[in-house]
PDB file of N, CA and C in Angstrom:
ATOM      1  N   MET A   1     -31.800  -8.161  16.140  1.00  0.00           N
ATOM      2  CA  MET A   1     -31.445  -7.674  14.835  1.00  0.00           C
ATOM      3  C   MET A   1     -29.991  -8.008  14.505  1.00  0.00           C
ATOM      4  N   LYS A   2     -29.088  -7.927  15.529  1.00  0.00           N
ATOM      5  CA  LYS A   2     -27.697  -8.269  15.306  1.00  0.00           C
ATOM      6  C   LYS A   2     -27.541  -9.726  14.903  1.00  0.00           C
ATOM      7  N   LYS A   3     -28.342 -10.594  15.520  1.00  0.00           N
ATOM      8  CA  LYS A   3     -28.276 -12.017  15.184  1.00  0.00           C
ATOM      9  C   LYS A   3     -28.609 -12.238  13.718  1.00  0.00           C
ATOM     10  N   PHE A   4     -29.586 -11.525  13.235  1.00  0.00           N
ATOM     11  CA  PHE A   4     -29.984 -11.660  11.836  1.00  0.00           C
ATOM     12  C   PHE A   4     -28.840 -11.289  10.909  1.00  0.00           C
ATOM     13  N   TRP A   5     -28.177 -10.156  11.163  1.00  0.00           N
ATOM     14  CA  TRP A   5     -27.087  -9.715  10.296  1.00  0.00           C
ATOM     15  C   TRP A   5     -25.895 -10.647  10.383  1.00  0.00           C
ATOM     16  N   ARG A   6     -25.604 -11.142  11.587  1.00  0.00           N
ATOM     17  CA  ARG A   6     -24.483 -12.079  11.731  1.00  0.00           C
ATOM     18  C   ARG A   6     -24.761 -13.378  11.004  1.00  0.00           C
ATOM     19  N   SER A   7     -25.980 -13.871  11.088  1.00  0.00           N
ATOM     20  CA  SER A   7     -26.302 -15.102  10.375  1.00  0.00           C
ATOM     21  C   SER A   7     -26.286 -14.872   8.871  1.00  0.00           C
ATOM     22  N   LEU A   8     -26.695 -13.688   8.449  1.00  0.00           N
ATOM     23  CA  LEU A   8     -26.665 -13.352   7.034  1.00  0.00           C
ATOM     24  C   LEU A   8     -25.224 -13.268   6.534  1.00  0.00           C
ATOM     25  N   GLU A   9     -24.333 -12.655   7.330  1.00  0.00           N
ATOM     26  CA  GLU A   9     -22.931 -12.536   6.949  1.00  0.00           C
ATOM     27  C   GLU A   9     -22.237 -13.886   6.901  1.00  0.00           C
ATOM     28  N   ALA A  10     -22.703 -14.848   7.690  1.00  0.00           N
ATOM     29  CA  ALA A  10     -22.087 -16.167   7.722  1.00  0.00           C
ATOM     30  C   ALA A  10     -22.475 -17.010   6.509  1.00  0.00           C
ATOM     31  N   SER A  11     -23.540 -16.665   5.850  1.00  0.00           N
ATOM     32  CA  SER A  11     -24.013 -17.425   4.702  1.00  0.00           C
ATOM     33  C   SER A  11     -23.122 -17.156   3.477  1.00  0.00           C
ATOM     34  N   PRO A  12     -22.573 -18.212   2.858  1.00  0.00           N
ATOM     35  CA  PRO A  12     -21.727 -18.001   1.678  1.00  0.00           C
ATOM     36  C   PRO A  12     -22.481 -17.370   0.509  1.00  0.00           C
ATOM     37  N   ILE A  13     -23.739 -17.688   0.383  1.00  0.00           N
ATOM     38  CA  ILE A  13     -24.533 -17.102  -0.705  1.00  0.00           C
ATOM     39  C   ILE A  13     -24.697 -15.601  -0.489  1.00  0.00           C
ATOM     40  N   ALA A  14     -25.002 -15.211   0.754  1.00  0.00           N
ATOM     41  CA  ALA A  14     -25.178 -13.784   1.050  1.00  0.00           C
ATOM     42  C   ALA A  14     -23.867 -13.035   0.862  1.00  0.00           C
ATOM     43  N   ARG A  15     -22.744 -13.639   1.276  1.00  0.00           N
ATOM     44  CA  ARG A  15     -21.444 -12.992   1.091  1.00  0.00           C
ATOM     45  C   ARG A  15     -21.156 -12.781  -0.394  1.00  0.00           C
ATOM     46  N   THR A  16     -21.457 -13.789  -1.205  1.00  0.00           N
ATOM     47  CA  THR A  16     -21.239 -13.681  -2.649  1.00  0.00           C
ATOM     48  C   THR A  16     -22.103 -12.576  -3.246  1.00  0.00           C
ATOM     49  N   VAL A  17     -23.344 -12.507  -2.797  1.00  0.00           N
ATOM     50  CA  VAL A  17     -24.247 -11.458  -3.302  1.00  0.00           C
ATOM     51  C   VAL A  17     -23.732 -10.075  -2.897  1.00  0.00           C
ATOM     52  N   LEU A  18     -23.252  -9.934  -1.661  1.00  0.00           N
ATOM     53  CA  LEU A  18     -22.742  -8.640  -1.205  1.00  0.00           C
ATOM     54  C   LEU A  18     -21.465  -8.252  -1.943  1.00  0.00           C
ATOM     55  N   ILE A  19     -20.590  -9.218  -2.222  1.00  0.00           N
ATOM     56  CA  ILE A  19     -19.393  -8.929  -3.013  1.00  0.00           C
ATOM     57  C   ILE A  19     -19.797  -8.503  -4.422  1.00  0.00           C
ATOM     58  N   GLY A  20     -20.757  -9.217  -4.997  1.00  0.00           N
ATOM     59  CA  GLY A  20     -21.248  -8.850  -6.335  1.00  0.00           C
ATOM     60  C   GLY A  20     -21.850  -7.459  -6.360  1.00  0.00           C
ATOM     61  N   LEU A  21     -22.602  -7.119  -5.315  1.00  0.00           N
ATOM     62  CA  LEU A  21     -23.177  -5.777  -5.220  1.00  0.00           C
ATOM     63  C   LEU A  21     -22.071  -4.724  -5.124  1.00  0.00           C
ATOM     64  N   GLY A  22     -21.017  -5.031  -4.350  1.00  0.00           N
ATOM     65  CA  GLY A  22     -19.891  -4.109  -4.234  1.00  0.00           C
ATOM     66  C   GLY A  22     -19.195  -3.891  -5.562  1.00  0.00           C
ATOM     67  N   VAL A  23     -18.965  -4.982  -6.308  1.00  0.00           N
ATOM     68  CA  VAL A  23     -18.332  -4.860  -7.624  1.00  0.00           C
ATOM     69  C   VAL A  23     -19.230  -4.059  -8.565  1.00  0.00           C
ATOM     70  N   LEU A  24     -20.527  -4.303  -8.485  1.00  0.00           N
ATOM     71  CA  LEU A  24     -21.473  -3.559  -9.316  1.00  0.00           C
ATOM     72  C   LEU A  24     -21.437  -2.059  -8.991  1.00  0.00           C
ATOM     73  N   LEU A  25     -21.354  -1.726  -7.711  1.00  0.00           N
ATOM     74  CA  LEU A  25     -21.273  -0.313  -7.321  1.00  0.00           C
ATOM     75  C   LEU A  25     -19.966   0.320  -7.805  1.00  0.00           C
ATOM     76  N   ILE A  26     -18.869  -0.424  -7.710  1.00  0.00           N
ATOM     77  CA  ILE A  26     -17.587   0.096  -8.193  1.00  0.00           C
ATOM     78  C   ILE A  26     -17.655   0.333  -9.695  1.00  0.00           C
ATOM     79  N   ALA A  27     -18.267  -0.605 -10.411  1.00  0.00           N
ATOM     80  CA  ALA A  27     -18.387  -0.466 -11.862  1.00  0.00           C
ATOM     81  C   ALA A  27     -19.329   0.685 -12.238  1.00  0.00           C
ATOM     82  N   ALA A  28     -20.315   0.971 -11.399  1.00  0.00           N
ATOM     83  CA  ALA A  28     -21.274   2.036 -11.695  1.00  0.00           C
ATOM     84  C   ALA A  28     -20.746   3.421 -11.346  1.00  0.00           C
ATOM     85  N   SER A  29     -19.681   3.502 -10.573  1.00  0.00           N
ATOM     86  CA  SER A  29     -19.197   4.815 -10.130  1.00  0.00           C
ATOM     87  C   SER A  29     -18.773   5.727 -11.285  1.00  0.00           C
ATOM     88  N   PRO A  30     -18.129   5.241 -12.372  1.00  0.00           N
ATOM     89  CA  PRO A  30     -17.832   6.175 -13.480  1.00  0.00           C
ATOM     90  C   PRO A  30     -19.088   6.683 -14.192  1.00  0.00           C
ATOM     91  N   ILE A  31     -20.147   5.892 -14.158  1.00  0.00           N
ATOM     92  CA  ILE A  31     -21.398   6.318 -14.786  1.00  0.00           C
ATOM     93  C   ILE A  31     -22.058   7.418 -13.962  1.00  0.00           C
ATOM     94  N   VAL A  32     -21.991   7.265 -12.642  1.00  0.00           N
ATOM     95  CA  VAL A  32     -22.610   8.229 -11.732  1.00  0.00           C
ATOM     96  C   VAL A  32     -21.718   9.461 -11.567  1.00  0.00           C
ATOM     97  N   GLY A  33     -20.428   9.324 -11.862  1.00  0.00           N
ATOM     98  CA  GLY A  33     -19.465  10.405 -11.669  1.00  0.00           C
ATOM     99  C   GLY A  33     -19.807  11.722 -12.311  1.00  0.00           C
ATOM    100  N   PRO A  34     -20.273  11.756 -13.570  1.00  0.00           N
ATOM    101  CA  PRO A  34     -20.557  13.045 -14.210  1.00  0.00           C
ATOM    102  C   PRO A  34     -21.743  13.811 -13.609  1.00  0.00           C
ATOM    103  N   ILE A  35     -22.565  13.153 -12.832  1.00  0.00           N
ATOM    104  CA  ILE A  35     -23.691  13.837 -12.199  1.00  0.00           C
ATOM    105  C   ILE A  35     -23.139  14.856 -11.206  1.00  0.00           C
ATOM    106  N   PRO A  36     -23.665  16.052 -11.146  1.00  0.00           N
ATOM    107  CA  PRO A  36     -23.141  17.059 -10.215  1.00  0.00           C
ATOM    108  C   PRO A  36     -23.154  16.557  -8.769  1.00  0.00           C
ATOM    109  N   GLY A  37     -22.108  16.902  -8.071  1.00  0.00           N
ATOM    110  CA  GLY A  37     -21.956  16.481  -6.685  1.00  0.00           C
ATOM    111  C   GLY A  37     -20.974  15.328  -6.581  1.00  0.00           C
ATOM    112  N   PRO A  38     -20.730  14.872  -5.375  1.00  0.00           N
ATOM    113  CA  PRO A  38     -19.727  13.816  -5.171  1.00  0.00           C
ATOM    114  C   PRO A  38     -20.297  12.401  -5.307  1.00  0.00           C
ATOM    115  N   GLY A  39     -21.310  12.191  -6.111  1.00  0.00           N
ATOM    116  CA  GLY A  39     -21.984  10.895  -6.208  1.00  0.00           C
ATOM    117  C   GLY A  39     -21.078   9.743  -6.575  1.00  0.00           C
ATOM    118  N   GLY A  40     -20.185   9.927  -7.554  1.00  0.00           N
ATOM    119  CA  GLY A  40     -19.310   8.848  -7.991  1.00  0.00           C
ATOM    120  C   GLY A  40     -18.375   8.382  -6.900  1.00  0.00           C
ATOM    121  N   ILE A  41     -17.870   9.314  -6.119  1.00  0.00           N
ATOM    122  CA  ILE A  41     -16.959   8.970  -5.025  1.00  0.00           C
ATOM    123  C   ILE A  41     -17.696   8.166  -3.962  1.00  0.00           C
ATOM    124  N   ILE A  42     -18.896   8.589  -3.629  1.00  0.00           N
ATOM    125  CA  ILE A  42     -19.675   7.900  -2.597  1.00  0.00           C
ATOM    126  C   ILE A  42     -20.057   6.502  -3.054  1.00  0.00           C
ATOM    127  N   VAL A  43     -20.460   6.354  -4.306  1.00  0.00           N
ATOM    128  CA  VAL A  43     -20.828   5.036  -4.835  1.00  0.00           C
ATOM    129  C   VAL A  43     -19.600   4.125  -4.853  1.00  0.00           C
ATOM    130  N   PHE A  44     -18.450   4.656  -5.280  1.00  0.00           N
ATOM    131  CA  PHE A  44     -17.217   3.869  -5.298  1.00  0.00           C
ATOM    132  C   PHE A  44     -16.832   3.436  -3.888  1.00  0.00           C
ATOM    133  N   ALA A  45     -16.907   4.355  -2.916  1.00  0.00           N
ATOM    134  CA  ALA A  45     -16.549   4.027  -1.538  1.00  0.00           C
ATOM    135  C   ALA A  45     -17.478   2.960  -0.955  1.00  0.00           C
ATOM    136  N   ALA A  46     -18.767   3.048  -1.263  1.00  0.00           N
ATOM    137  CA  ALA A  46     -19.709   2.036  -0.767  1.00  0.00           C
ATOM    138  C   ALA A  46     -19.391   0.667  -1.355  1.00  0.00           C
ATOM    139  N   GLY A  47     -19.084   0.619  -2.644  1.00  0.00           N
ATOM    140  CA  GLY A  47     -18.728  -0.642  -3.276  1.00  0.00           C
ATOM    141  C   GLY A  47     -17.432  -1.204  -2.727  1.00  0.00           C
ATOM    142  N   LEU A  48     -16.444  -0.341  -2.545  1.00  0.00           N
ATOM    143  CA  LEU A  48     -15.164  -0.776  -1.995  1.00  0.00           C
ATOM    144  C   LEU A  48     -15.327  -1.313  -0.581  1.00  0.00           C
ATOM    145  N   THR A  49     -16.164  -0.665   0.196  1.00  0.00           N
ATOM    146  CA  THR A  49     -16.419  -1.121   1.561  1.00  0.00           C
ATOM    147  C   THR A  49     -17.029  -2.517   1.561  1.00  0.00           C
ATOM    148  N   LEU A  50     -18.004  -2.756   0.719  1.00  0.00           N
ATOM    149  CA  LEU A  50     -18.622  -4.086   0.648  1.00  0.00           C
ATOM    150  C   LEU A  50     -17.622  -5.145   0.216  1.00  0.00           C
ATOM    151  N   VAL A  51     -16.838  -4.845  -0.786  1.00  0.00           N
ATOM    152  CA  VAL A  51     -15.865  -5.828  -1.272  1.00  0.00           C
ATOM    153  C   VAL A  51     -14.805  -6.098  -0.208  1.00  0.00           C
ATOM    154  N   LEU A  52     -14.287  -5.062   0.437  1.00  0.00           N
ATOM    155  CA  LEU A  52     -13.269  -5.261   1.471  1.00  0.00           C
ATOM    156  C   LEU A  52     -13.801  -6.020   2.684  1.00  0.00           C
ATOM    157  N   LYS A  53     -15.041  -5.800   3.023  1.00  0.00           N
ATOM    158  CA  LYS A  53     -15.600  -6.452   4.211  1.00  0.00           C
ATOM    159  C   LYS A  53     -15.836  -7.944   3.990  1.00  0.00           C
ATOM    160  N   TYR A  54     -16.229  -8.335   2.798  1.00  0.00           N
ATOM    161  CA  TYR A  54     -16.663  -9.711   2.586  1.00  0.00           C
ATOM    162  C   TYR A  54     -15.746 -10.541   1.695  1.00  0.00           C
ATOM    163  N   SER A  55     -14.637 -10.014   1.219  1.00  0.00           N
ATOM    164  CA  SER A  55     -13.781 -10.756   0.307  1.00  0.00           C
ATOM    165  C   SER A  55     -12.374 -10.904   0.880  1.00  0.00           C
ATOM    166  N   GLY A  56     -11.906 -12.138   0.985  1.00  0.00           N
ATOM    167  CA  GLY A  56     -10.565 -12.403   1.502  1.00  0.00           C
ATOM    168  C   GLY A  56      -9.468 -11.904   0.581  1.00  0.00           C
ATOM    169  N   TRP A  57      -9.626 -12.118  -0.738  1.00  0.00           N
ATOM    170  CA  TRP A  57      -8.577 -11.680  -1.672  1.00  0.00           C
ATOM    171  C   TRP A  57      -8.466 -10.171  -1.698  1.00  0.00           C
ATOM    172  N   ALA A  58      -9.580  -9.472  -1.535  1.00  0.00           N
ATOM    173  CA  ALA A  58      -9.537  -8.003  -1.522  1.00  0.00           C
ATOM    174  C   ALA A  58      -8.843  -7.503  -0.254  1.00  0.00           C
ATOM    175  N   LYS A  59      -9.060  -8.185   0.864  1.00  0.00           N
ATOM    176  CA  LYS A  59      -8.376  -7.797   2.101  1.00  0.00           C
ATOM    177  C   LYS A  59      -6.871  -7.963   1.959  1.00  0.00           C
ATOM    178  N   ARG A  60      -6.440  -9.075   1.363  1.00  0.00           N
ATOM    179  CA  ARG A  60      -5.001  -9.301   1.169  1.00  0.00           C
ATOM    180  C   ARG A  60      -4.408  -8.233   0.243  1.00  0.00           C
ATOM    181  N   LEU A  61      -5.116  -7.913  -0.819  1.00  0.00           N
ATOM    182  CA  LEU A  61      -4.659  -6.879  -1.743  1.00  0.00           C
ATOM    183  C   LEU A  61      -4.585  -5.521  -1.043  1.00  0.00           C
ATOM    184  N   TYR A  62      -5.551  -5.242  -0.189  1.00  0.00           N
ATOM    185  CA  TYR A  62      -5.575  -3.993   0.574  1.00  0.00           C
ATOM    186  C   TYR A  62      -4.376  -3.901   1.530  1.00  0.00           C
ATOM    187  N   VAL A  63      -4.046  -5.019   2.181  1.00  0.00           N
ATOM    188  CA  VAL A  63      -2.905  -5.034   3.097  1.00  0.00           C
ATOM    189  C   VAL A  63      -1.613  -4.773   2.328  1.00  0.00           C
ATOM    190  N   ARG A  64      -1.472  -5.402   1.156  1.00  0.00           N
ATOM    191  CA  ARG A  64      -0.299  -5.162   0.323  1.00  0.00           C
ATOM    192  C   ARG A  64      -0.210  -3.686  -0.088  1.00  0.00           C
ATOM    193  N   PHE A  65      -1.335  -3.107  -0.466  1.00  0.00           N
ATOM    194  CA  PHE A  65      -1.391  -1.695  -0.836  1.00  0.00           C
ATOM    195  C   PHE A  65      -0.957  -0.807   0.323  1.00  0.00           C
ATOM    196  N   LYS A  66      -1.444  -1.127   1.527  1.00  0.00           N
ATOM    197  CA  LYS A  66      -1.110  -0.304   2.689  1.00  0.00           C
ATOM    198  C   LYS A  66       0.360  -0.395   3.042  1.00  0.00           C
ATOM    199  N   ARG A  67       0.965  -1.563   2.852  1.00  0.00           N
ATOM    200  CA  ARG A  67       2.396  -1.697   3.140  1.00  0.00           C
ATOM    201  C   ARG A  67       3.236  -0.904   2.146  1.00  0.00           C
ATOM    202  N   LYS A  68       2.800  -0.867   0.913  1.00  0.00           N
ATOM    203  CA  LYS A  68       3.542  -0.156  -0.118  1.00  0.00           C
ATOM    204  C   LYS A  68       3.327   1.353  -0.030  1.00  0.00           C
ATOM    205  N   HIS A  69       2.122   1.778   0.327  1.00  0.00           N
ATOM    206  CA  HIS A  69       1.772   3.203   0.405  1.00  0.00           C
ATOM    207  C   HIS A  69       1.129   3.492   1.767  1.00  0.00           C
ATOM    208  N   PRO A  70       1.927   3.627   2.839  1.00  0.00           N
ATOM    209  CA  PRO A  70       1.337   3.796   4.176  1.00  0.00           C
ATOM    210  C   PRO A  70       0.484   5.053   4.338  1.00  0.00           C
ATOM    211  N   LYS A  71       0.890   6.153   3.730  1.00  0.00           N
ATOM    212  CA  LYS A  71       0.112   7.390   3.891  1.00  0.00           C
ATOM    213  C   LYS A  71      -1.257   7.259   3.222  1.00  0.00           C
ATOM    214  N   LYS A  72      -1.299   6.669   2.033  1.00  0.00           N
ATOM    215  CA  LYS A  72      -2.574   6.452   1.356  1.00  0.00           C
ATOM    216  C   LYS A  72      -3.431   5.452   2.130  1.00  0.00           C
ATOM    217  N   GLY A  73      -2.765   4.482   2.764  1.00  0.00           N
ATOM    218  CA  GLY A  73      -3.490   3.519   3.587  1.00  0.00           C
ATOM    219  C   GLY A  73      -4.160   4.184   4.779  1.00  0.00           C
ATOM    220  N   GLU A  74      -3.493   5.186   5.366  1.00  0.00           N
ATOM    221  CA  GLU A  74      -4.107   5.918   6.474  1.00  0.00           C
ATOM    222  C   GLU A  74      -5.352   6.658   6.002  1.00  0.00           C
ATOM    223  N   TRP A  75      -5.276   7.277   4.828  1.00  0.00           N
ATOM    224  CA  TRP A  75      -6.435   7.977   4.292  1.00  0.00           C
ATOM    225  C   TRP A  75      -7.576   7.005   4.012  1.00  0.00           C
ATOM    226  N   THR A  76      -7.237   5.832   3.505  1.00  0.00           N
ATOM    227  CA  THR A  76      -8.262   4.827   3.228  1.00  0.00           C
ATOM    228  C   THR A  76      -8.901   4.363   4.524  1.00  0.00           C
ATOM    229  N   ASP A  77      -8.078   4.105   5.542  1.00  0.00           N
ATOM    230  CA  ASP A  77      -8.616   3.715   6.845  1.00  0.00           C
ATOM    231  C   ASP A  77      -9.539   4.795   7.399  1.00  0.00           C
ATOM    232  N   TRP A  78      -9.118   6.039   7.243  1.00  0.00           N
ATOM    233  CA  TRP A  78      -9.945   7.143   7.729  1.00  0.00           C
ATOM    234  C   TRP A  78     -11.274   7.184   6.975  1.00  0.00           C
ATOM    235  N   GLY A  79     -11.209   7.010   5.671  1.00  0.00           N
ATOM    236  CA  GLY A  79     -12.419   7.055   4.854  1.00  0.00           C
ATOM    237  C   GLY A  79     -13.362   5.900   5.138  1.00  0.00           C
ATOM    238  N   LEU A  80     -12.799   4.742   5.428  1.00  0.00           N
ATOM    239  CA  LEU A  80     -13.623   3.571   5.717  1.00  0.00           C
ATOM    240  C   LEU A  80     -13.989   3.470   7.197  1.00  0.00           C
ATOM    241  N   ARG A  81     -13.479   4.383   8.020  1.00  0.00           N
ATOM    242  CA  ARG A  81     -13.757   4.408   9.462  1.00  0.00           C
ATOM    243  C   ARG A  81     -13.401   3.076  10.114  1.00  0.00           C
ATOM    244  N   ARG A  82     -12.203   2.579   9.803  1.00  0.00           N
ATOM    245  CA  ARG A  82     -11.785   1.268  10.291  1.00  0.00           C
ATOM    246  C   ARG A  82     -11.347   1.362  11.752  1.00  0.00           C
ATOM    247  N   ARG A  83     -11.954   0.536  12.592  1.00  0.00           N
ATOM    248  CA  ARG A  83     -11.605   0.510  14.014  1.00  0.00           C
ATOM    249  C   ARG A  83     -10.204  -0.049  14.224  1.00  0.00           C
ATOM    250  N   SER A  84      -9.761  -0.941  13.336  1.00  0.00           N
ATOM    251  CA  SER A  84      -8.427  -1.516  13.482  1.00  0.00           C
ATOM    252  C   SER A  84      -7.360  -0.428  13.385  1.00  0.00           C
ATOM    253  N   ALA A  85      -7.588   0.572  12.564  1.00  0.00           N
ATOM    254  CA  ALA A  85      -6.628   1.668  12.442  1.00  0.00           C
ATOM    255  C   ALA A  85      -6.563   2.462  13.743  1.00  0.00           C
ATOM    256  N   LEU A  86      -7.702   2.675  14.361  1.00  0.00           N
ATOM    257  CA  LEU A  86      -7.712   3.405  15.637  1.00  0.00           C
ATOM    258  C   LEU A  86      -6.977   2.618  16.716  1.00  0.00           C
ATOM    259  N   ARG A  87      -7.170   1.301  16.753  1.00  0.00           N
ATOM    260  CA  ARG A  87      -6.459   0.466  17.735  1.00  0.00           C
ATOM    261  C   ARG A  87      -4.954   0.494  17.481  1.00  0.00           C
ATOM    262  N   ARG A  88      -4.566   0.413  16.219  1.00  0.00           N
ATOM    263  CA  ARG A  88      -3.146   0.408  15.863  1.00  0.00           C
ATOM    264  C   ARG A  88      -2.483   1.720  16.288  1.00  0.00           C
ATOM    265  N   HIS A  89      -3.135   2.835  16.043  1.00  0.00           N
ATOM    266  CA  HIS A  89      -2.575   4.124  16.449  1.00  0.00           C
ATOM    267  C   HIS A  89      -2.556   4.273  17.961  1.00  0.00           C
ATOM    268  N   ALA A  90      -3.544   3.740  18.638  1.00  0.00           N
ATOM    269  CA  ALA A  90      -3.566   3.811  20.102  1.00  0.00           C
ATOM    270  C   ALA A  90      -2.415   2.998  20.690  1.00  0.00           C
ATOM    271  N   ARG A  91      -2.113   1.833  20.097  1.00  0.00           N
ATOM    272  CA  ARG A  91      -0.996   1.004  20.579  1.00  0.00           C
ATOM    273  C   ARG A  91       0.326   1.728  20.407  1.00  0.00           C
ATOM    274  N   ARG A  92       0.473   2.452  19.316  1.00  0.00           N
ATOM    275  CA  ARG A  92       1.715   3.191  19.073  1.00  0.00           C
ATOM    276  C   ARG A  92       1.826   4.435  19.953  1.00  0.00           C
ATOM    277  N   GLY A  93       0.734   4.826  20.581  1.00  0.00           N
ATOM    278  CA  GLY A  93       0.748   6.015  21.419  1.00  0.00           C
ATOM    279  C   GLY A  93       0.606   7.297  20.627  1.00  0.00           C
ATOM    280  N   GLU A  94       0.108   7.167  19.408  1.00  0.00           N
ATOM    281  CA  GLU A  94      -0.060   8.348  18.570  1.00  0.00           C
ATOM    282  C   GLU A  94      -1.394   9.014  18.870  1.00  0.00           C
ATOM    283  N   ALA A  95      -1.525  10.225  18.385  1.00  0.00           N
ATOM    284  CA  ALA A  95      -2.788  10.956  18.529  1.00  0.00           C
ATOM    285  C   ALA A  95      -3.843  10.302  17.648  1.00  0.00           C
ATOM    286  N   ASN A  96      -5.061  10.741  17.794  1.00  0.00           N
ATOM    287  CA  ASN A  96      -6.174  10.235  16.991  1.00  0.00           C
ATOM    288  C   ASN A  96      -5.859  10.459  15.510  1.00  0.00           C
ATOM    289  N   PRO A  97      -5.819   9.385  14.690  1.00  0.00           N
ATOM    290  CA  PRO A  97      -5.442   9.561  13.282  1.00  0.00           C
ATOM    291  C   PRO A  97      -6.421  10.411  12.505  1.00  0.00           C
ATOM    292  N   ARG A  98      -7.682  10.412  12.887  1.00  0.00           N
ATOM    293  CA  ARG A  98      -8.650  11.254  12.174  1.00  0.00           C
ATOM    294  C   ARG A  98      -8.334  12.724  12.397  1.00  0.00           C
ATOM    295  N   GLN A  99      -7.913  13.052  13.609  1.00  0.00           N
ATOM    296  CA  GLN A  99      -7.550  14.435  13.894  1.00  0.00           C
ATOM    297  C   GLN A  99      -6.253  14.798  13.170  1.00  0.00           C
ATOM    298  N   GLN A 100      -5.284  13.850  13.142  1.00  0.00           N
ATOM    299  CA  GLN A 100      -4.031  14.102  12.445  1.00  0.00           C
ATOM    300  C   GLN A 100      -4.278  14.365  10.966  1.00  0.00           C
ATOM    301  N   LEU A 101      -5.117  13.544  10.348  1.00  0.00           N
ATOM    302  CA  LEU A 101      -5.361  13.698   8.916  1.00  0.00           C
ATOM    303  C   LEU A 101      -6.100  15.002   8.628  1.00  0.00           C
ATOM    304  N   ALA A 102      -6.932  15.445   9.553  1.00  0.00           N
ATOM    305  CA  ALA A 102      -7.636  16.704   9.357  1.00  0.00           C
ATOM    306  C   ALA A 102      -6.669  17.890   9.455  1.00  0.00           C
ATOM    307  N   ASP A 103      -5.614  17.725  10.290  1.00  0.00           N
ATOM    308  CA  ASP A 103      -4.640  18.792  10.461  1.00  0.00           C
ATOM    309  C   ASP A 103      -3.687  18.914   9.286  1.00  0.00           C
ATOM    310  N   ASP A 104      -3.476  17.825   8.532  1.00  0.00           N
ATOM    311  CA  ASP A 104      -2.500  17.822   7.421  1.00  0.00           C
ATOM    312  C   ASP A 104      -2.900  18.696   6.290  1.00  0.00           C
TER     313      ASP A 104
END
């Protein structure tokens, strides 16, 4: 099953479709927002995750955002469950960032 997903991710057509789906989800989040519950936030986060995972320009923009706003970048990493953030904090010798953010 992993081979299938890796081959799918390597396909430029599939990457384009996934980026398009992410943009569509981001665009749909204000429409879903008025529905009771946290639906708009979840739809926006799912779209953002797809765009960040498969788009180079979005990754560069995200890195710029994190450099300018480090605290917001930590929250974004926590929300996206990024393993790179956990490795970075482990290298610095800091406590688990998810636990730190929960304590704040």
